[in-house]
Amino acid sequence: MSWGNKLVFVFIAFAGLIGTLVYKSMKSSFDLVSKDYYTDELRYQEKIDAKASAAQFSAIQLAQTNEVVIIHFPTELAGKKVDGEAWFYCSTNAIKDRKIAIEVASNGEMIIPKSQLAKANYQVKISWKIGEESYYTEKNINLQ
């Protein structure tokens, strides 16, 4: 094979490689942190205030078994009406995100079946209200 043929082969291989990379990059999805990023940023002070309010209670704890995820709410909330949601946020894939309404049992626990969640690393963003006061906390959990 002459040097001219080798040079043509190298150019064709390079063009094929670039074409493959362009094709793969067009098929990749890039999930943003939030679809309403700017709106969320403007409301960030509310989140800071809610975190400070949540600091007056003992910390929320997360636990898991083979079948369920358990959110242990502070004992100070016993007997109080708690409204809100737990957002299981997967930073690598928005399809795995789940928002679940808070339903606290009389023992201060919320039980979530793992069948509702995908196996992933989650940042659990828990926002709740008691009356007019808002509270917020974040915890990390790795579901397996």
Protein backbone atom coordinates (compact mmCIF):
# COMPACT_ATOMS: atom_id res chain seq x y z
CA MET A 1 0.00 0.00 0.00
CA SER A 2 1.46 3.36 -1.00
CA TRP A 3 1.70 6.35 1.30
CA GLY A 4 -1.11 8.07 -0.64
CA ASN A 5 -3.51 5.21 0.06
CA LYS A 6 -2.52 5.21 3.73
CA LEU A 7 -3.18 8.95 3.96
CA VAL A 8 -6.64 8.54 2.40
CA PHE A 9 -7.37 5.68 4.82
CA VAL A 10 -6.37 7.86 7.82
CA PHE A 11 -8.62 10.72 6.63
CA ILE A 12 -11.58 8.35 6.15
CA ALA A 13 -11.00 6.79 9.59
CA PHE A 14 -10.80 10.25 11.16
CA ALA A 15 -14.01 11.38 9.43
CA GLY A 16 -15.74 8.19 10.60
CA LEU A 17 -14.60 8.80 14.18
CA ILE A 18 -15.81 12.41 14.14
CA GLY A 19 -19.13 11.33 12.61
CA THR A 20 -19.59 8.71 15.32
CA LEU A 21 -18.83 11.22 18.09
CA VAL A 22 -21.29 13.75 16.62
CA TYR A 23 -23.99 11.08 16.35
CA LYS A 24 -23.50 9.92 19.96
CA SER A 25 -23.47 13.49 21.30
CA MET A 26 -26.75 14.24 19.52
CA LYS A 27 -28.38 11.21 21.19
CA SER A 28 -27.18 12.12 24.72
CA SER A 29 -29.63 13.78 27.08
CA PHE A 30 -28.49 16.44 29.50
CA ASP A 31 -30.77 16.91 32.50
CA LEU A 32 -30.74 20.30 34.13
CA VAL A 33 -30.94 20.56 37.90
CA SER A 34 -34.41 22.03 37.56
CA LYS A 35 -36.64 22.95 34.66
CA ASP A 36 -37.59 26.18 36.47
CA TYR A 37 -34.06 27.06 37.51
CA TYR A 38 -34.49 30.84 37.57
CA THR A 39 -37.80 30.73 39.45
CA ASP A 40 -36.28 28.37 42.00
CA GLU A 41 -33.29 30.68 42.40
CA LEU A 42 -35.54 33.64 43.19
CA ARG A 43 -37.29 31.61 45.92
CA TYR A 44 -34.03 30.38 47.45
CA GLN A 45 -34.31 32.71 50.46
CA GLU A 46 -37.54 30.94 51.42
CA LYS A 47 -35.61 27.65 51.42
CA ILE A 48 -32.90 29.15 53.64
CA ASP A 49 -35.55 30.34 56.12
CA ALA A 50 -37.26 26.92 56.06
CA LYS A 51 -33.90 25.20 56.78
CA ALA A 52 -33.36 27.50 59.75
CA SER A 53 -36.87 26.71 61.04
CA ALA A 54 -36.23 22.96 60.69
CA ALA A 55 -33.06 23.30 62.78
CA GLN A 56 -35.19 23.84 65.89
CA PHE A 57 -36.25 20.17 65.72
CA SER A 58 -34.12 17.06 65.95
CA ALA A 59 -32.88 15.87 62.57
CA ILE A 60 -34.95 13.80 60.19
CA GLN A 61 -33.43 10.34 59.72
CA LEU A 62 -33.56 8.06 56.68
CA ALA A 63 -33.31 4.28 56.87
CA GLN A 64 -33.89 1.46 54.43
CA THR A 65 -34.64 -2.23 54.47
CA ASN A 66 -34.80 -4.60 51.53
CA GLU A 67 -38.39 -3.55 50.77
CA VAL A 68 -38.94 0.00 52.08
CA VAL A 69 -37.41 3.39 52.78
CA ILE A 70 -38.33 4.85 56.17
CA ILE A 71 -38.30 8.56 56.93
CA HIS A 72 -38.17 9.15 60.71
CA PHE A 73 -39.62 12.56 61.53
CA PRO A 74 -38.65 14.37 64.77
CA THR A 75 -40.50 13.29 67.90
CA GLU A 76 -41.43 16.95 68.47
CA LEU A 77 -43.87 16.66 65.56
CA ALA A 78 -45.95 13.92 67.22
CA GLY A 79 -49.64 14.71 67.08
CA LYS A 80 -49.22 17.63 64.66
CA LYS A 81 -50.67 17.78 61.15
CA VAL A 82 -47.76 17.66 58.71
CA ASP A 83 -48.26 18.54 55.04
CA GLY A 84 -45.61 18.53 52.35
CA GLU A 85 -43.60 16.34 50.05
CA ALA A 86 -40.46 14.28 49.86
CA TRP A 87 -38.64 14.76 46.57
CA PHE A 88 -36.29 11.90 45.74
CA TYR A 89 -33.93 13.79 43.42
CA CYS A 90 -31.54 11.78 41.24
CA SER A 91 -28.90 14.16 39.90
CA THR A 92 -27.82 11.81 37.12
CA ASN A 93 -31.22 11.01 35.58
CA ALA A 94 -34.39 13.10 35.86
CA ILE A 95 -36.53 10.09 34.89
CA LYS A 96 -35.71 8.52 38.28
CA ASP A 97 -36.93 11.57 40.26
CA ARG A 98 -40.03 11.00 42.43
CA LYS A 99 -42.13 13.42 44.46
CA ILE A 100 -44.13 11.73 47.20
CA ALA A 101 -46.69 13.42 49.44
CA ILE A 102 -45.86 13.24 53.14
CA GLU A 103 -48.07 10.93 55.17
CA VAL A 104 -46.68 10.60 58.68
CA ALA A 105 -47.95 7.67 60.75
CA SER A 106 -48.74 8.01 64.45
CA ASN A 107 -45.25 6.70 65.31
CA GLY A 108 -43.63 9.59 63.40
CA GLU A 109 -42.53 7.50 60.43
CA MET A 110 -43.29 7.61 56.75
CA ILE A 111 -42.82 4.33 54.89
CA ILE A 112 -42.17 4.32 51.15
CA PRO A 113 -42.03 1.04 49.20
CA LYS A 114 -38.83 0.69 47.19
CA SER A 115 -40.95 -0.47 44.26
CA GLN A 116 -41.86 3.23 43.74
CA LEU A 117 -38.19 4.19 43.41
CA ALA A 118 -35.37 3.19 41.09
CA LYS A 119 -31.98 2.01 42.33
CA ALA A 120 -29.88 5.18 42.42
CA ASN A 121 -28.17 7.74 44.61
CA TYR A 122 -30.81 10.21 45.75
CA GLN A 123 -30.78 13.53 47.47
CA VAL A 124 -34.04 13.51 49.42
CA LYS A 125 -35.43 17.04 49.66
CA ILE A 126 -38.11 17.10 52.32
CA SER A 127 -40.27 20.19 52.57
CA TRP A 128 -43.15 20.29 55.01
CA LYS A 129 -45.52 22.68 56.74
CA ILE A 130 -47.10 22.75 60.13
CA GLY A 131 -49.81 25.38 60.00
CA GLU A 132 -48.30 28.36 58.19
CA GLU A 133 -44.66 27.62 59.15
CA SER A 134 -42.48 26.01 56.44
CA TYR A 135 -39.60 23.60 57.06
CA TYR A 136 -37.01 22.06 54.76
CA THR A 137 -34.22 19.53 55.01
CA GLU A 138 -32.03 17.50 52.66
CA LYS A 139 -30.59 14.04 53.18
CA ASN A 140 -28.68 11.66 50.91
CA ILE A 141 -29.51 8.00 50.43
CA ASN A 142 -28.21 5.26 48.13
CA LEU A 143 -30.96 2.80 47.20
CA GLN A 144 -29.79 -0.65 46.25
